[in-house]
Amino acid sequence: MNESSEPDILFHGAEWFDQNKGKLMNGALAVIVAVAAYLWINKSQTESNAASESALFDVQNLDSTNLVEIAGAYAKVSDDQAGKPVAERALILSARTWLEAANYDKAQTAFESYLRQHANGHWATEAKLGQAICQETKEDAAAAISTYQSLTNNERLQELQ
């Protein structure tokens, strides 16, 4: 039986630790700094998202029944929170509210803006439908028919996939 010539860590562990304690401490410090940085960044993002959601919540709790005012407030939230997930919701809510207020020009502009910014967004189909409704109310039948057809063709494609 041939015995290994390598030093046994059990017999020389204290000596090895003494020789490498600087590296071990630096490694431990690096791990602690990395974890602290991750936690700080995560906390900052959470607080930012909470503030964004709070802005949308404030609009939803306005003491107003004026649809024009509400639509404008949603649009402001969308602009102020650009690049954050809440901006997409605020923009589609603004477009919907303009549609409810029967301001078809502003509704169509908002729906177009939504589709330009969020072509594959959560409410893209709703934005296209809103666009078609606006086109129909403005008596642009050809554009409305084309938009409605794109919606039905899109649904058929999704069913096939």
Foldseek 3Di string as FASTA:
>chain_A
DDDDPDDDCVVCVVVVCVVCVVVVVVVVVVVVVVVVVVVVVVVVVVVLVVVLVVQVVCLVPDPDPPLLVSLVSLCVSLVVSPPDPSNLVSLQVSLVSCVVVVVLVVNLVSLVVSCVVCVPDPCVLVSLQSNLVSCVVVVVPVVSVVSVVVSVVVVVVVVVD
